[in-house]
Amino acid sequence: MRIHFLLILTLSALPFLRFSFFENAKQEFVCTPCGNDCDKYVYNKSGSCRHCNMALVDKATVKFSNYTPQQTCKKLNDPNVIVLDVRTVEEFKGATYPNFGRFKNAINIPIQELEQRMQELNAFKHKEIIVYCSHSQRSPRAAYMLGQKGFQKVGNMLGGASTWNNIGDCNKWIVK
């Protein structure tokens, strides 16, 4: 009888405990990754970023890592790392000025086509994918999109292709 009473007392307190827990837990929102400084701002409610007007998303959903060009080039020594270039086809082929080149073996899917062509990357869902563009403004958004589609380990190269010149380890990976 005594155990029954304690069980009822404990169960009756659960709604209060759950309410108190969630009352104290505050959800944080950030700009949909856009590669600008506003990616670092944290908001306490949903809406739009006051700097770039991108939608604010739950901070916990932004799961990709950021890598410097040096860190990226070191990772390219691992043959299991997939490199995704989200620049336009013209940029990827070097047909625009300036020609930053591209990483050897990079897959080119322009950010504008990524949503529709995501299935082309499904075989790599459990591999590390490093995304880059020219100035690291498209690649953070692409990295976020991949995370939303269940890709497990996604990285974004900070600075983009415009920053990798004259980085010793990178030169062997760059095609111009």
N, C-alpha and C. Protein backbone atom coordinates (compact mmCIF):
# COMPACT_ATOMS: atom_id res chain seq x y z
N MET A 1 0.82 -1.18 0.00
CA MET A 1 0.00 0.00 0.00
C MET A 1 0.87 1.26 0.00
N ARG A 2 1.92 1.23 0.80
CA ARG A 2 2.80 2.39 0.90
C ARG A 2 3.50 2.64 -0.45
N ILE A 3 3.95 1.57 -1.13
CA ILE A 3 4.61 1.71 -2.44
C ILE A 3 3.63 2.28 -3.45
N HIS A 4 2.38 1.83 -3.40
CA HIS A 4 1.35 2.33 -4.29
C HIS A 4 1.16 3.83 -4.11
N PHE A 5 1.13 4.31 -2.87
CA PHE A 5 0.97 5.73 -2.57
C PHE A 5 2.15 6.52 -3.12
N LEU A 6 3.39 6.01 -2.93
CA LEU A 6 4.58 6.72 -3.42
C LEU A 6 4.60 6.78 -4.95
N LEU A 7 4.16 5.72 -5.58
CA LEU A 7 4.09 5.70 -7.04
C LEU A 7 3.11 6.75 -7.54
N ILE A 8 1.95 6.85 -6.93
CA ILE A 8 0.94 7.85 -7.32
C ILE A 8 1.48 9.25 -7.09
N LEU A 9 2.14 9.47 -5.96
CA LEU A 9 2.71 10.78 -5.65
C LEU A 9 3.77 11.16 -6.68
N THR A 10 4.64 10.22 -7.04
CA THR A 10 5.68 10.48 -8.03
C THR A 10 5.09 10.77 -9.40
N LEU A 11 4.13 9.96 -9.82
CA LEU A 11 3.50 10.17 -11.12
C LEU A 11 2.76 11.49 -11.19
N SER A 12 2.15 11.90 -10.09
CA SER A 12 1.41 13.17 -10.10
C SER A 12 2.36 14.37 -10.21
N ALA A 13 3.62 14.19 -9.81
CA ALA A 13 4.59 15.28 -9.88
C ALA A 13 5.23 15.39 -11.26
N LEU A 14 5.15 14.34 -12.11
CA LEU A 14 5.81 14.35 -13.41
C LEU A 14 5.40 15.51 -14.31
N PRO A 15 4.11 15.81 -14.45
CA PRO A 15 3.78 16.95 -15.33
C PRO A 15 4.44 18.25 -14.87
N PHE A 16 4.51 18.47 -13.58
CA PHE A 16 5.16 19.66 -13.06
C PHE A 16 6.64 19.64 -13.39
N LEU A 17 7.28 18.48 -13.18
CA LEU A 17 8.71 18.38 -13.47
C LEU A 17 9.00 18.59 -14.95
N ARG A 18 8.17 17.99 -15.81
CA ARG A 18 8.37 18.18 -17.24
C ARG A 18 8.20 19.64 -17.61
N PHE A 19 7.18 20.30 -17.06
CA PHE A 19 6.95 21.70 -17.37
C PHE A 19 8.13 22.54 -16.90
N SER A 20 8.61 22.27 -15.69
CA SER A 20 9.74 23.05 -15.16
C SER A 20 10.98 22.85 -16.01
N PHE A 21 11.23 21.63 -16.44
CA PHE A 21 12.41 21.37 -17.27
C PHE A 21 12.34 22.15 -18.57
N PHE A 22 11.22 22.06 -19.28
CA PHE A 22 11.10 22.74 -20.56
C PHE A 22 11.00 24.25 -20.40
N GLU A 23 10.50 24.70 -19.28
CA GLU A 23 10.42 26.13 -19.03
C GLU A 23 11.83 26.72 -18.96
N ASN A 24 12.77 25.96 -18.38
CA ASN A 24 14.13 26.46 -18.21
C ASN A 24 14.99 26.24 -19.45
N ALA A 25 14.63 25.29 -20.29
CA ALA A 25 15.40 25.03 -21.51
C ALA A 25 14.98 26.02 -22.58
N LYS A 26 15.92 26.81 -23.05
CA LYS A 26 15.60 27.82 -24.06
C LYS A 26 16.12 27.36 -25.41
N GLN A 27 15.25 27.43 -26.39
CA GLN A 27 15.65 27.06 -27.73
C GLN A 27 16.43 28.22 -28.34
N GLU A 28 17.51 27.88 -29.04
CA GLU A 28 18.32 28.89 -29.69
C GLU A 28 18.18 28.76 -31.19
N PHE A 29 18.16 29.90 -31.86
CA PHE A 29 18.02 29.95 -33.31
C PHE A 29 19.20 30.69 -33.90
N VAL A 30 19.58 30.27 -35.10
CA VAL A 30 20.65 30.92 -35.85
C VAL A 30 20.19 31.10 -37.29
N CYS A 31 20.89 31.96 -37.98
CA CYS A 31 20.63 32.18 -39.40
C CYS A 31 20.87 30.88 -40.16
N THR A 32 20.03 30.59 -41.16
CA THR A 32 20.35 29.49 -42.06
C THR A 32 21.75 29.80 -42.59
N PRO A 33 22.69 28.89 -42.43
CA PRO A 33 24.08 29.23 -42.77
C PRO A 33 24.21 29.88 -44.14
N CYS A 34 24.81 31.09 -44.13
CA CYS A 34 24.96 31.85 -45.36
C CYS A 34 26.40 32.28 -45.60
N GLY A 35 27.30 31.96 -44.66
CA GLY A 35 28.70 32.30 -44.84
C GLY A 35 29.07 33.70 -44.42
N ASN A 36 28.13 34.46 -43.92
CA ASN A 36 28.41 35.81 -43.44
C ASN A 36 28.59 35.79 -41.92
N ASP A 37 29.02 36.92 -41.36
CA ASP A 37 29.21 37.01 -39.92
C ASP A 37 27.94 36.74 -39.13
N CYS A 38 26.80 36.96 -39.77
CA CYS A 38 25.53 36.76 -39.05
C CYS A 38 25.29 35.29 -38.70
N ASP A 39 26.05 34.37 -39.29
CA ASP A 39 25.93 32.96 -38.93
C ASP A 39 26.27 32.73 -37.46
N LYS A 40 27.01 33.66 -36.87
CA LYS A 40 27.46 33.51 -35.48
C LYS A 40 26.45 34.05 -34.46
N TYR A 41 25.46 34.83 -34.90
CA TYR A 41 24.50 35.41 -33.97
C TYR A 41 23.49 34.38 -33.53
N VAL A 42 23.11 34.44 -32.27
CA VAL A 42 22.13 33.51 -31.71
C VAL A 42 20.90 34.31 -31.28
N TYR A 43 19.73 33.79 -31.64
CA TYR A 43 18.45 34.43 -31.33
C TYR A 43 17.65 33.52 -30.41
N ASN A 44 16.71 34.10 -29.69
CA ASN A 44 15.89 33.29 -28.78
C ASN A 44 14.51 32.97 -29.33
N LYS A 45 14.25 33.36 -30.57
CA LYS A 45 12.97 32.99 -31.19
C LYS A 45 13.16 32.87 -32.70
N SER A 46 12.23 32.19 -33.34
CA SER A 46 12.32 32.00 -34.78
C SER A 46 11.98 33.30 -35.50
N GLY A 47 12.20 33.31 -36.80
CA GLY A 47 11.94 34.49 -37.60
C GLY A 47 12.93 34.55 -38.74
N SER A 48 13.40 35.76 -39.04
CA SER A 48 14.38 35.97 -40.10
C SER A 48 15.59 36.68 -39.53
N CYS A 49 16.74 36.39 -40.09
CA CYS A 49 17.97 37.06 -39.67
C CYS A 49 17.86 38.54 -40.03
N ARG A 50 18.15 39.40 -39.10
CA ARG A 50 18.02 40.84 -39.36
C ARG A 50 19.14 41.37 -40.24
N HIS A 51 20.15 40.54 -40.53
CA HIS A 51 21.28 40.98 -41.35
C HIS A 51 21.17 40.52 -42.80
N CYS A 52 20.73 39.26 -43.01
CA CYS A 52 20.69 38.73 -44.38
C CYS A 52 19.29 38.26 -44.79
N ASN A 53 18.35 38.32 -43.88
CA ASN A 53 16.95 37.92 -44.11
C ASN A 53 16.74 36.43 -44.36
N MET A 54 17.77 35.60 -44.12
CA MET A 54 17.58 34.15 -44.21
C MET A 54 16.73 33.72 -43.02
N ALA A 55 16.02 32.62 -43.19
CA ALA A 55 15.19 32.09 -42.10
C ALA A 55 16.09 31.68 -40.93
N LEU A 56 15.61 31.89 -39.72
CA LEU A 56 16.32 31.41 -38.54
C LEU A 56 15.93 29.95 -38.32
N VAL A 57 16.92 29.12 -38.00
CA VAL A 57 16.69 27.69 -37.79
C VAL A 57 17.18 27.31 -36.40
N ASP A 58 16.67 26.21 -35.91
CA ASP A 58 17.10 25.70 -34.61
C ASP A 58 18.61 25.46 -34.65
N LYS A 59 19.33 26.04 -33.73
CA LYS A 59 20.79 25.94 -33.71
C LYS A 59 21.25 24.48 -33.69
N ALA A 60 20.49 23.63 -33.03
CA ALA A 60 20.87 22.22 -32.92
C ALA A 60 20.84 21.50 -34.27
N THR A 61 20.20 22.08 -35.29
CA THR A 61 20.13 21.43 -36.60
C THR A 61 21.34 21.76 -37.48
N VAL A 62 22.18 22.69 -37.06
CA VAL A 62 23.38 23.05 -37.81
C VAL A 62 24.50 22.15 -37.30
N LYS A 63 24.80 21.10 -38.07
CA LYS A 63 25.67 20.04 -37.56
C LYS A 63 26.99 19.89 -38.30
N PHE A 64 27.31 20.74 -39.23
CA PHE A 64 28.55 20.57 -39.98
C PHE A 64 29.72 21.24 -39.25
N SER A 65 30.93 20.80 -39.61
CA SER A 65 32.15 21.37 -39.07
C SER A 65 32.74 22.34 -40.07
N ASN A 66 33.51 23.28 -39.58
CA ASN A 66 34.23 24.22 -40.45
C ASN A 66 35.70 23.87 -40.42
N TYR A 67 36.33 23.85 -41.61
CA TYR A 67 37.74 23.54 -41.73
C TYR A 67 38.45 24.66 -42.47
N THR A 68 39.66 24.96 -42.04
CA THR A 68 40.49 25.89 -42.79
C THR A 68 40.95 25.19 -44.07
N PRO A 69 41.46 25.93 -45.05
CA PRO A 69 42.00 25.27 -46.23
C PRO A 69 43.11 24.28 -45.89
N GLN A 70 43.96 24.62 -44.92
CA GLN A 70 45.03 23.72 -44.52
C GLN A 70 44.46 22.42 -43.96
N GLN A 71 43.47 22.51 -43.10
CA GLN A 71 42.85 21.31 -42.53
C GLN A 71 42.18 20.48 -43.63
N THR A 72 41.54 21.18 -44.56
CA THR A 72 40.88 20.48 -45.67
C THR A 72 41.90 19.71 -46.49
N CYS A 73 43.00 20.35 -46.85
CA CYS A 73 44.01 19.69 -47.68
C CYS A 73 44.60 18.48 -46.98
N LYS A 74 44.78 18.54 -45.67
CA LYS A 74 45.27 17.37 -44.93
C LYS A 74 44.25 16.24 -44.98
N LYS A 75 42.97 16.57 -44.90
CA LYS A 75 41.92 15.55 -44.96
C LYS A 75 41.86 14.87 -46.32
N LEU A 76 42.31 15.57 -47.36
CA LEU A 76 42.26 15.00 -48.70
C LEU A 76 43.22 13.83 -48.89
N ASN A 77 44.13 13.64 -47.95
CA ASN A 77 45.01 12.47 -48.00
C ASN A 77 44.24 11.18 -47.72
N ASP A 78 43.06 11.32 -47.14
CA ASP A 78 42.19 10.16 -46.88
C ASP A 78 41.36 9.90 -48.14
N PRO A 79 41.55 8.76 -48.81
CA PRO A 79 40.81 8.51 -50.05
C PRO A 79 39.30 8.35 -49.85
N ASN A 80 38.86 8.23 -48.62
CA ASN A 80 37.43 8.09 -48.35
C ASN A 80 36.71 9.43 -48.22
N VAL A 81 37.47 10.52 -48.20
CA VAL A 81 36.85 11.85 -48.09
C VAL A 81 36.33 12.26 -49.47
N ILE A 82 35.09 12.71 -49.49
CA ILE A 82 34.45 13.18 -50.71
C ILE A 82 34.48 14.70 -50.71
N VAL A 83 34.80 15.29 -51.85
CA VAL A 83 34.86 16.75 -51.97
C VAL A 83 33.74 17.20 -52.91
N LEU A 84 32.93 18.12 -52.42
CA LEU A 84 31.80 18.64 -53.19
C LEU A 84 32.01 20.12 -53.47
N ASP A 85 32.07 20.47 -54.74
CA ASP A 85 32.22 21.85 -55.19
C ASP A 85 30.83 22.35 -55.58
N VAL A 86 30.33 23.38 -54.91
CA VAL A 86 28.97 23.86 -55.18
C VAL A 86 28.96 25.15 -56.00
N ARG A 87 30.07 25.42 -56.68
CA ARG A 87 30.12 26.58 -57.57
C ARG A 87 29.41 26.24 -58.88
N THR A 88 29.26 27.24 -59.72
CA THR A 88 28.66 27.00 -61.03
C THR A 88 29.56 26.12 -61.87
N VAL A 89 29.01 25.54 -62.90
CA VAL A 89 29.80 24.69 -63.81
C VAL A 89 30.93 25.51 -64.42
N GLU A 90 30.66 26.77 -64.78
CA GLU A 90 31.68 27.62 -65.37
C GLU A 90 32.83 27.87 -64.40
N GLU A 91 32.52 28.14 -63.13
CA GLU A 91 33.57 28.33 -62.14
C GLU A 91 34.38 27.05 -61.96
N PHE A 92 33.69 25.94 -61.88
CA PHE A 92 34.33 24.63 -61.70
C PHE A 92 35.30 24.33 -62.85
N LYS A 93 34.90 24.65 -64.07
CA LYS A 93 35.74 24.39 -65.25
C LYS A 93 36.83 25.43 -65.45
N GLY A 94 36.82 26.50 -64.67
CA GLY A 94 37.84 27.54 -64.81
C GLY A 94 37.53 28.52 -65.92
N ALA A 95 36.28 28.60 -66.33
CA ALA A 95 35.89 29.47 -67.44
C ALA A 95 35.49 30.87 -66.98
N THR A 96 35.69 31.18 -65.71
CA THR A 96 35.35 32.52 -65.19
C THR A 96 36.63 33.17 -64.66
N TYR A 97 36.55 34.47 -64.50
CA TYR A 97 37.68 35.20 -63.92
C TYR A 97 37.30 35.63 -62.52
N PRO A 98 38.12 35.43 -61.53
CA PRO A 98 39.38 34.72 -61.59
C PRO A 98 39.17 33.20 -61.58
N ASN A 99 40.13 32.50 -62.11
CA ASN A 99 40.09 31.04 -62.12
C ASN A 99 40.84 30.55 -60.89
N PHE A 100 40.10 30.11 -59.88
CA PHE A 100 40.72 29.62 -58.65
C PHE A 100 41.15 28.16 -58.77
N GLY A 101 40.70 27.50 -59.83
CA GLY A 101 40.97 26.08 -59.96
C GLY A 101 39.92 25.29 -59.20
N ARG A 102 40.19 24.00 -59.04
CA ARG A 102 39.28 23.12 -58.31
C ARG A 102 40.09 22.00 -57.68
N PHE A 103 39.50 21.31 -56.73
CA PHE A 103 40.16 20.15 -56.15
C PHE A 103 40.06 18.97 -57.10
N LYS A 104 41.14 18.20 -57.20
CA LYS A 104 41.11 16.96 -57.97
C LYS A 104 40.01 16.07 -57.41
N ASN A 105 39.34 15.37 -58.27
CA ASN A 105 38.29 14.42 -57.90
C ASN A 105 37.06 15.05 -57.24
N ALA A 106 36.95 16.37 -57.28
CA ALA A 106 35.77 17.01 -56.71
C ALA A 106 34.54 16.71 -57.55
N ILE A 107 33.42 16.59 -56.88
CA ILE A 107 32.12 16.44 -57.54
C ILE A 107 31.52 17.83 -57.64
N ASN A 108 31.07 18.21 -58.81
CA ASN A 108 30.48 19.53 -58.99
C ASN A 108 28.96 19.43 -59.09
N ILE A 109 28.29 19.99 -58.07
CA ILE A 109 26.84 20.16 -58.10
C ILE A 109 26.58 21.59 -57.64
N PRO A 110 26.24 22.49 -58.54
CA PRO A 110 25.99 23.88 -58.14
C PRO A 110 24.92 23.96 -57.06
N ILE A 111 25.10 24.90 -56.14
CA ILE A 111 24.18 25.06 -55.02
C ILE A 111 22.74 25.20 -55.51
N GLN A 112 22.54 25.83 -56.67
CA GLN A 112 21.20 26.03 -57.20
C GLN A 112 20.54 24.70 -57.59
N GLU A 113 21.34 23.66 -57.81
CA GLU A 113 20.82 22.36 -58.23
C GLU A 113 20.90 21.30 -57.14
N LEU A 114 21.48 21.64 -56.01
CA LEU A 114 21.77 20.63 -54.99
C LEU A 114 20.52 19.92 -54.48
N GLU A 115 19.48 20.66 -54.20
CA GLU A 115 18.24 20.04 -53.69
C GLU A 115 17.71 18.98 -54.65
N GLN A 116 17.70 19.30 -55.94
CA GLN A 116 17.17 18.37 -56.94
C GLN A 116 18.12 17.21 -57.23
N ARG A 117 19.42 17.40 -57.01
CA ARG A 117 20.41 16.38 -57.35
C ARG A 117 20.99 15.66 -56.14
N MET A 118 20.41 15.89 -54.98
CA MET A 118 20.92 15.31 -53.74
C MET A 118 21.09 13.80 -53.81
N GLN A 119 20.21 13.11 -54.54
CA GLN A 119 20.27 11.64 -54.62
C GLN A 119 21.58 11.17 -55.24
N GLU A 120 22.25 12.01 -56.02
CA GLU A 120 23.53 11.63 -56.60
C GLU A 120 24.60 11.41 -55.53
N LEU A 121 24.36 11.94 -54.35
CA LEU A 121 25.34 11.83 -53.26
C LEU A 121 24.95 10.77 -52.24
N ASN A 122 23.81 10.13 -52.41
CA ASN A 122 23.32 9.17 -51.41
C ASN A 122 24.32 8.07 -51.07
N ALA A 123 25.12 7.66 -52.01
CA ALA A 123 26.10 6.60 -51.74
C ALA A 123 27.17 7.06 -50.75
N PHE A 124 27.26 8.37 -50.51
CA PHE A 124 28.29 8.92 -49.63
C PHE A 124 27.72 9.38 -48.28
N LYS A 125 26.51 8.99 -47.95
CA LYS A 125 25.87 9.47 -46.72
C LYS A 125 26.67 9.18 -45.46
N HIS A 126 27.43 8.11 -45.45
CA HIS A 126 28.18 7.74 -44.25
C HIS A 126 29.67 8.03 -44.37
N LYS A 127 30.05 8.73 -45.43
CA LYS A 127 31.44 9.16 -45.60
C LYS A 127 31.53 10.64 -45.24
N GLU A 128 32.74 11.09 -45.04
CA GLU A 128 32.93 12.52 -44.80
C GLU A 128 32.87 13.25 -46.12
N ILE A 129 32.07 14.31 -46.16
CA ILE A 129 31.95 15.16 -47.34
C ILE A 129 32.39 16.56 -46.93
N ILE A 130 33.33 17.10 -47.69
CA ILE A 130 33.77 18.48 -47.46
C ILE A 130 33.28 19.32 -48.63
N VAL A 131 32.57 20.38 -48.30
CA VAL A 131 31.94 21.25 -49.29
C VAL A 131 32.75 22.54 -49.41
N TYR A 132 32.91 23.01 -50.64
CA TYR A 132 33.57 24.30 -50.83
C TYR A 132 32.93 25.04 -52.00
N CYS A 133 33.17 26.34 -52.04
CA CYS A 133 32.75 27.20 -53.15
C CYS A 133 33.90 28.18 -53.37
N SER A 134 33.64 29.37 -53.85
CA SER A 134 34.75 30.30 -54.10
C SER A 134 35.12 31.15 -52.89
N HIS A 135 34.13 31.60 -52.10
CA HIS A 135 34.41 32.49 -50.98
C HIS A 135 33.73 32.04 -49.68
N SER A 136 33.24 30.82 -49.63
CA SER A 136 32.58 30.25 -48.45
C SER A 136 31.28 30.98 -48.10
N GLN A 137 30.52 31.31 -49.13
CA GLN A 137 29.20 31.88 -48.89
C GLN A 137 28.10 30.92 -49.34
N ARG A 138 28.39 30.09 -50.31
CA ARG A 138 27.42 29.07 -50.75
C ARG A 138 27.63 27.75 -50.01
N SER A 139 28.88 27.43 -49.72
CA SER A 139 29.18 26.12 -49.12
C SER A 139 28.58 25.92 -47.73
N PRO A 140 28.49 26.93 -46.85
CA PRO A 140 27.85 26.66 -45.56
C PRO A 140 26.37 26.26 -45.72
N ARG A 141 25.70 26.90 -46.65
CA ARG A 141 24.29 26.56 -46.90
C ARG A 141 24.18 25.14 -47.44
N ALA A 142 25.09 24.76 -48.35
CA ALA A 142 25.09 23.41 -48.90
C ALA A 142 25.40 22.38 -47.81
N ALA A 143 26.35 22.70 -46.93
CA ALA A 143 26.68 21.79 -45.83
C ALA A 143 25.47 21.60 -44.91
N TYR A 144 24.76 22.69 -44.65
CA TYR A 144 23.54 22.61 -43.83
C TYR A 144 22.49 21.72 -44.52
N MET A 145 22.32 21.91 -45.82
CA MET A 145 21.34 21.12 -46.58
C MET A 145 21.67 19.63 -46.51
N LEU A 146 22.95 19.29 -46.63
CA LEU A 146 23.35 17.89 -46.55
C LEU A 146 23.02 17.32 -45.18
N GLY A 147 23.30 18.07 -44.13
CA GLY A 147 22.97 17.61 -42.79
C GLY A 147 21.49 17.37 -42.62
N GLN A 148 20.67 18.23 -43.22
CA GLN A 148 19.22 18.08 -43.13
C GLN A 148 18.73 16.83 -43.85
N LYS A 149 19.51 16.36 -44.81
CA LYS A 149 19.13 15.18 -45.60
C LYS A 149 19.77 13.90 -45.06
N GLY A 150 20.35 13.95 -43.87
CA GLY A 150 20.84 12.75 -43.23
C GLY A 150 22.29 12.40 -43.46
N PHE A 151 23.06 13.29 -44.08
CA PHE A 151 24.47 13.03 -44.25
C PHE A 151 25.14 13.17 -42.88
N GLN A 152 25.96 12.18 -42.54
CA GLN A 152 26.46 12.04 -41.17
C GLN A 152 27.62 12.95 -40.81
N LYS A 153 28.58 13.12 -41.72
CA LYS A 153 29.79 13.87 -41.40
C LYS A 153 30.07 14.85 -42.53
N VAL A 154 29.71 16.10 -42.30
CA VAL A 154 29.82 17.13 -43.33
C VAL A 154 30.73 18.24 -42.82
N GLY A 155 31.61 18.69 -43.70
CA GLY A 155 32.49 19.80 -43.38
C GLY A 155 32.37 20.90 -44.42
N ASN A 156 32.66 22.11 -44.00
CA ASN A 156 32.65 23.28 -44.86
C ASN A 156 34.05 23.87 -44.86
N MET A 157 34.62 24.11 -46.05
CA MET A 157 35.93 24.74 -46.11
C MET A 157 35.79 26.25 -46.01
N LEU A 158 36.32 26.80 -44.95
CA LEU A 158 36.26 28.24 -44.72
C LEU A 158 37.05 29.01 -45.78
N GLY A 159 36.51 30.12 -46.21
CA GLY A 159 37.21 30.98 -47.16
C GLY A 159 37.04 30.61 -48.61
N GLY A 160 36.79 29.34 -48.87
CA GLY A 160 36.57 28.89 -50.24
C GLY A 160 37.84 28.84 -51.06
N ALA A 161 37.66 28.56 -52.34
CA ALA A 161 38.77 28.38 -53.27
C ALA A 161 39.63 29.63 -53.39
N SER A 162 39.09 30.77 -53.10
CA SER A 162 39.85 32.02 -53.22
C SER A 162 40.99 32.09 -52.20
N THR A 163 40.99 31.21 -51.19
CA THR A 163 41.99 31.29 -50.12
C THR A 163 43.05 30.21 -50.18
N TRP A 164 42.99 29.28 -51.12
CA TRP A 164 43.90 28.15 -51.03
C TRP A 164 45.20 28.31 -51.80
N ASN A 165 45.37 29.37 -52.55
CA ASN A 165 46.63 29.57 -53.28
C ASN A 165 47.80 29.68 -52.31
N ASN A 166 48.92 29.13 -52.72
CA ASN A 166 50.18 29.19 -51.96
C ASN A 166 50.11 28.50 -50.60
N ILE A 167 49.22 27.55 -50.44
CA ILE A 167 49.22 26.72 -49.24
C ILE A 167 49.87 25.41 -49.68
N GLY A 168 51.10 25.20 -49.25
CA GLY A 168 51.92 24.10 -49.73
C GLY A 168 51.20 22.78 -49.92
N ASP A 169 50.51 22.29 -48.90
CA ASP A 169 49.85 20.99 -48.99
C ASP A 169 48.70 20.99 -49.99
N CYS A 170 48.14 22.15 -50.25
CA CYS A 170 46.98 22.22 -51.16
C CYS A 170 47.39 22.10 -52.62
N ASN A 171 48.55 22.59 -52.96
CA ASN A 171 48.92 22.66 -54.38
C ASN A 171 48.82 21.32 -55.09
N LYS A 172 49.13 20.23 -54.42
CA LYS A 172 49.05 18.94 -55.09
C LYS A 172 47.60 18.49 -55.34
N TRP A 173 46.63 19.15 -54.71
CA TRP A 173 45.23 18.78 -54.87
C TRP A 173 44.48 19.70 -55.83
N ILE A 174 45.12 20.80 -56.25
CA ILE A 174 44.43 21.80 -57.05
C ILE A 174 44.72 21.62 -58.54
N VAL A 175 43.66 21.67 -59.32
CA VAL A 175 43.75 21.60 -60.78
C VAL A 175 43.33 22.95 -61.31
N LYS A 176 44.12 23.53 -62.20
CA LYS A 176 43.75 24.84 -62.81
C LYS A 176 43.57 24.67 -64.29
